[in-house]
Amino acid sequence: MINQMYCKNVSVISKGCSENLEYLTIKCRPFYLPREFSSITLTAVYIHPRADVGLALSELSNVINNYENKDPDTMSIILGDFNQSNLTSV
């Protein structure tokens, strides 16, 4: 998932697949990282166009809050295909 020239310390934190949301969260510690961050957490998200957006965003919010509460010094990057979701609501 991650180029070995960039980072060799990679682990899967969580993953999930439901009718509303698919996600994969990994944690990595690149060779170069500013002191302010202990690691980087990447979450890849897919919300189906016919999904219940409210449930999908609620589930995604719970997942992100759980790992951010466990490791607050991690930089979080969330990316993916959100299909008409209004992320400002969460």
N, C-alpha and C. Protein backbone atom coordinates (compact mmCIF):
# COMPACT_ATOMS: atom_id res chain seq x y z
N MET A 1 0.81 -1.20 0.00
CA MET A 1 0.00 0.00 0.00
C MET A 1 0.86 1.26 0.00
N ILE A 2 2.01 1.21 0.64
CA ILE A 2 2.89 2.37 0.76
C ILE A 2 4.24 2.02 0.13
N ASN A 3 4.78 2.94 -0.63
CA ASN A 3 6.09 2.74 -1.25
C ASN A 3 7.14 2.55 -0.17
N GLN A 4 7.96 1.49 -0.28
CA GLN A 4 8.98 1.17 0.70
C GLN A 4 10.08 2.23 0.78
N MET A 5 10.24 3.03 -0.26
CA MET A 5 11.22 4.11 -0.23
C MET A 5 10.74 5.26 0.66
N TYR A 6 9.45 5.35 0.88
CA TYR A 6 8.86 6.42 1.68
C TYR A 6 8.72 6.01 3.15
N CYS A 7 8.30 4.77 3.37
CA CYS A 7 8.00 4.32 4.72
C CYS A 7 7.98 2.80 4.79
N LYS A 8 8.65 2.24 5.78
CA LYS A 8 8.63 0.78 5.97
C LYS A 8 7.80 0.36 7.16
N ASN A 9 7.45 1.29 8.03
CA ASN A 9 6.69 0.99 9.24
C ASN A 9 5.21 1.32 8.99
N VAL A 10 4.44 0.33 8.53
CA VAL A 10 3.03 0.53 8.17
C VAL A 10 2.19 -0.54 8.84
N SER A 11 1.03 -0.13 9.39
CA SER A 11 0.11 -1.11 9.97
C SER A 11 -1.33 -0.69 9.68
N VAL A 12 -2.20 -1.68 9.54
CA VAL A 12 -3.62 -1.43 9.32
C VAL A 12 -4.27 -1.23 10.69
N ILE A 13 -4.92 -0.08 10.87
CA ILE A 13 -5.59 0.22 12.13
C ILE A 13 -7.00 -0.35 12.13
N SER A 14 -7.74 -0.06 11.08
CA SER A 14 -9.10 -0.56 11.00
C SER A 14 -9.56 -0.60 9.54
N LYS A 15 -10.55 -1.42 9.31
CA LYS A 15 -11.17 -1.49 7.99
C LYS A 15 -12.61 -1.93 8.18
N GLY A 16 -13.44 -1.52 7.26
CA GLY A 16 -14.84 -1.88 7.37
C GLY A 16 -15.55 -1.78 6.05
N CYS A 17 -16.61 -2.56 5.94
CA CYS A 17 -17.41 -2.55 4.72
C CYS A 17 -18.86 -2.79 5.12
N SER A 18 -19.71 -1.83 4.81
CA SER A 18 -21.14 -1.98 5.04
C SER A 18 -21.85 -1.49 3.78
N GLU A 19 -23.17 -1.52 3.80
CA GLU A 19 -23.91 -1.07 2.62
C GLU A 19 -23.79 0.44 2.40
N ASN A 20 -23.38 1.17 3.43
CA ASN A 20 -23.27 2.62 3.32
C ASN A 20 -21.84 3.13 3.19
N LEU A 21 -20.87 2.40 3.71
CA LEU A 21 -19.52 2.92 3.82
C LEU A 21 -18.49 1.80 3.70
N GLU A 22 -17.44 2.09 2.95
CA GLU A 22 -16.24 1.24 2.92
C GLU A 22 -15.07 2.11 3.29
N TYR A 23 -14.19 1.60 4.17
CA TYR A 23 -13.03 2.40 4.56
C TYR A 23 -11.87 1.48 4.94
N LEU A 24 -10.68 2.03 4.84
CA LEU A 24 -9.46 1.37 5.26
C LEU A 24 -8.58 2.44 5.89
N THR A 25 -8.12 2.20 7.11
CA THR A 25 -7.27 3.15 7.82
C THR A 25 -5.93 2.50 8.11
N ILE A 26 -4.86 3.16 7.67
CA ILE A 26 -3.51 2.67 7.95
C ILE A 26 -2.73 3.75 8.69
N LYS A 27 -1.75 3.29 9.44
CA LYS A 27 -0.88 4.19 10.18
C LYS A 27 0.54 3.95 9.70
N CYS A 28 1.27 5.03 9.40
CA CYS A 28 2.64 4.87 8.95
C CYS A 28 3.54 5.92 9.60
N ARG A 29 4.79 5.58 9.68
CA ARG A 29 5.81 6.47 10.23
C ARG A 29 6.87 6.65 9.15
N PRO A 30 6.73 7.72 8.33
CA PRO A 30 7.69 7.96 7.25
C PRO A 30 9.09 8.26 7.80
N PHE A 31 10.07 8.14 6.92
CA PHE A 31 11.45 8.42 7.32
C PHE A 31 11.62 9.88 7.72
N TYR A 32 10.97 10.78 7.01
CA TYR A 32 11.02 12.19 7.37
C TYR A 32 9.63 12.63 7.80
N LEU A 33 9.54 13.15 9.01
CA LEU A 33 8.27 13.63 9.54
C LEU A 33 8.57 14.74 10.53
N PRO A 34 7.86 15.87 10.46
CA PRO A 34 8.09 16.95 11.43
C PRO A 34 7.88 16.46 12.87
N ARG A 35 8.55 17.07 13.80
CA ARG A 35 8.48 16.66 15.20
C ARG A 35 7.09 16.75 15.81
N GLU A 36 6.26 17.61 15.26
CA GLU A 36 4.92 17.80 15.81
C GLU A 36 4.05 16.55 15.69
N PHE A 37 4.40 15.66 14.77
CA PHE A 37 3.58 14.48 14.50
C PHE A 37 4.36 13.21 14.83
N SER A 38 3.69 12.28 15.49
CA SER A 38 4.32 11.00 15.80
C SER A 38 4.22 10.04 14.62
N SER A 39 3.16 10.19 13.82
CA SER A 39 2.95 9.33 12.66
C SER A 39 1.86 9.95 11.79
N ILE A 40 1.57 9.27 10.68
CA ILE A 40 0.52 9.72 9.77
C ILE A 40 -0.53 8.62 9.69
N THR A 41 -1.79 9.02 9.77
CA THR A 41 -2.89 8.08 9.62
C THR A 41 -3.63 8.43 8.34
N LEU A 42 -3.77 7.45 7.44
CA LEU A 42 -4.45 7.64 6.17
C LEU A 42 -5.74 6.82 6.17
N THR A 43 -6.84 7.45 5.83
CA THR A 43 -8.11 6.74 5.74
C THR A 43 -8.65 6.90 4.32
N ALA A 44 -8.82 5.79 3.64
CA ALA A 44 -9.42 5.78 2.30
C ALA A 44 -10.90 5.43 2.47
N VAL A 45 -11.77 6.25 1.87
CA VAL A 45 -13.21 6.15 2.09
C VAL A 45 -13.94 6.01 0.76
N TYR A 46 -14.99 5.18 0.75
CA TYR A 46 -15.91 5.14 -0.39
C TYR A 46 -17.33 5.10 0.16
N ILE A 47 -18.14 6.08 -0.23
CA ILE A 47 -19.55 6.12 0.11
C ILE A 47 -20.33 5.92 -1.17
N HIS A 48 -21.12 4.87 -1.22
CA HIS A 48 -21.89 4.51 -2.42
C HIS A 48 -22.90 5.63 -2.73
N PRO A 49 -23.15 5.90 -4.02
CA PRO A 49 -24.09 6.97 -4.39
C PRO A 49 -25.50 6.78 -3.83
N ARG A 50 -25.93 5.54 -3.63
CA ARG A 50 -27.28 5.29 -3.09
C ARG A 50 -27.26 4.97 -1.60
N ALA A 51 -26.17 5.27 -0.93
CA ALA A 51 -26.05 4.99 0.50
C ALA A 51 -26.84 5.99 1.33
N ASP A 52 -27.15 5.59 2.55
CA ASP A 52 -27.73 6.52 3.52
C ASP A 52 -26.58 7.37 4.03
N VAL A 53 -26.49 8.60 3.52
CA VAL A 53 -25.34 9.46 3.78
C VAL A 53 -25.20 9.77 5.27
N GLY A 54 -26.30 9.97 5.95
CA GLY A 54 -26.25 10.27 7.38
C GLY A 54 -25.61 9.15 8.18
N LEU A 55 -26.01 7.91 7.90
CA LEU A 55 -25.43 6.76 8.59
C LEU A 55 -23.96 6.58 8.22
N ALA A 56 -23.64 6.78 6.95
CA ALA A 56 -22.25 6.62 6.50
C ALA A 56 -21.34 7.64 7.18
N LEU A 57 -21.77 8.89 7.23
CA LEU A 57 -20.94 9.93 7.85
C LEU A 57 -20.84 9.74 9.36
N SER A 58 -21.89 9.25 9.97
CA SER A 58 -21.85 8.98 11.40
C SER A 58 -20.85 7.86 11.71
N GLU A 59 -20.90 6.80 10.91
CA GLU A 59 -19.96 5.68 11.10
C GLU A 59 -18.52 6.14 10.86
N LEU A 60 -18.32 6.92 9.82
CA LEU A 60 -16.98 7.44 9.52
C LEU A 60 -16.47 8.35 10.64
N SER A 61 -17.34 9.19 11.15
CA SER A 61 -16.97 10.08 12.25
C SER A 61 -16.55 9.28 13.49
N ASN A 62 -17.28 8.22 13.80
CA ASN A 62 -16.94 7.37 14.94
C ASN A 62 -15.57 6.72 14.76
N VAL A 63 -15.31 6.22 13.57
CA VAL A 63 -14.02 5.57 13.30
C VAL A 63 -12.87 6.56 13.47
N ILE A 64 -13.01 7.73 12.88
CA ILE A 64 -11.95 8.74 12.93
C ILE A 64 -11.74 9.24 14.37
N ASN A 65 -12.83 9.50 15.08
CA ASN A 65 -12.71 9.96 16.46
C ASN A 65 -12.04 8.92 17.35
N ASN A 66 -12.33 7.64 17.13
CA ASN A 66 -11.71 6.58 17.94
C ASN A 66 -10.20 6.57 17.80
N TYR A 67 -9.68 6.60 16.58
CA TYR A 67 -8.23 6.54 16.46
C TYR A 67 -7.56 7.87 16.76
N GLU A 68 -8.25 8.99 16.59
CA GLU A 68 -7.66 10.27 16.97
C GLU A 68 -7.60 10.43 18.49
N ASN A 69 -8.56 9.87 19.20
CA ASN A 69 -8.52 9.91 20.67
C ASN A 69 -7.41 9.02 21.23
N LYS A 70 -7.14 7.91 20.57
CA LYS A 70 -6.08 7.00 21.02
C LYS A 70 -4.69 7.58 20.79
N ASP A 71 -4.52 8.32 19.70
CA ASP A 71 -3.21 8.87 19.34
C ASP A 71 -3.38 10.30 18.83
N PRO A 72 -3.48 11.29 19.73
CA PRO A 72 -3.76 12.66 19.30
C PRO A 72 -2.61 13.36 18.57
N ASP A 73 -1.40 12.81 18.63
CA ASP A 73 -0.26 13.43 17.96
C ASP A 73 -0.10 12.99 16.51
N THR A 74 -1.04 12.21 16.02
CA THR A 74 -1.00 11.71 14.65
C THR A 74 -1.64 12.70 13.70
N MET A 75 -1.02 12.90 12.54
CA MET A 75 -1.63 13.70 11.49
C MET A 75 -2.60 12.80 10.71
N SER A 76 -3.85 13.22 10.60
CA SER A 76 -4.87 12.41 9.93
C SER A 76 -5.17 12.97 8.55
N ILE A 77 -5.19 12.07 7.58
CA ILE A 77 -5.56 12.43 6.21
C ILE A 77 -6.70 11.51 5.80
N ILE A 78 -7.82 12.10 5.42
CA ILE A 78 -8.98 11.34 4.99
C ILE A 78 -9.25 11.69 3.54
N LEU A 79 -9.30 10.68 2.69
CA LEU A 79 -9.49 10.91 1.27
C LEU A 79 -10.35 9.82 0.69
N GLY A 80 -10.94 10.11 -0.45
CA GLY A 80 -11.74 9.09 -1.09
C GLY A 80 -12.86 9.67 -1.93
N ASP A 81 -13.86 8.82 -2.16
CA ASP A 81 -15.01 9.15 -2.98
C ASP A 81 -16.22 9.28 -2.06
N PHE A 82 -16.66 10.51 -1.82
CA PHE A 82 -17.73 10.77 -0.86
C PHE A 82 -19.11 10.90 -1.51
N ASN A 83 -19.19 10.94 -2.82
CA ASN A 83 -20.46 10.90 -3.57
C ASN A 83 -21.59 11.74 -2.96
N GLN A 84 -21.58 13.01 -3.23
CA GLN A 84 -22.66 13.93 -2.84
C GLN A 84 -22.81 14.13 -1.34
N SER A 85 -21.87 13.69 -0.54
CA SER A 85 -21.96 13.89 0.91
C SER A 85 -21.54 15.30 1.27
N ASN A 86 -22.23 15.88 2.23
CA ASN A 86 -21.88 17.20 2.73
C ASN A 86 -21.10 16.98 4.03
N LEU A 87 -19.79 17.08 3.96
CA LEU A 87 -18.94 16.77 5.10
C LEU A 87 -18.97 17.83 6.18
N THR A 88 -19.53 18.98 5.90
CA THR A 88 -19.57 20.02 6.92
C THR A 88 -20.56 19.68 8.03
N SER A 89 -21.45 18.74 7.78
CA SER A 89 -22.45 18.37 8.79
C SER A 89 -21.83 17.57 9.94
N VAL A 90 -20.69 16.94 9.70
CA VAL A 90 -20.02 16.18 10.76
C VAL A 90 -18.68 16.81 11.03
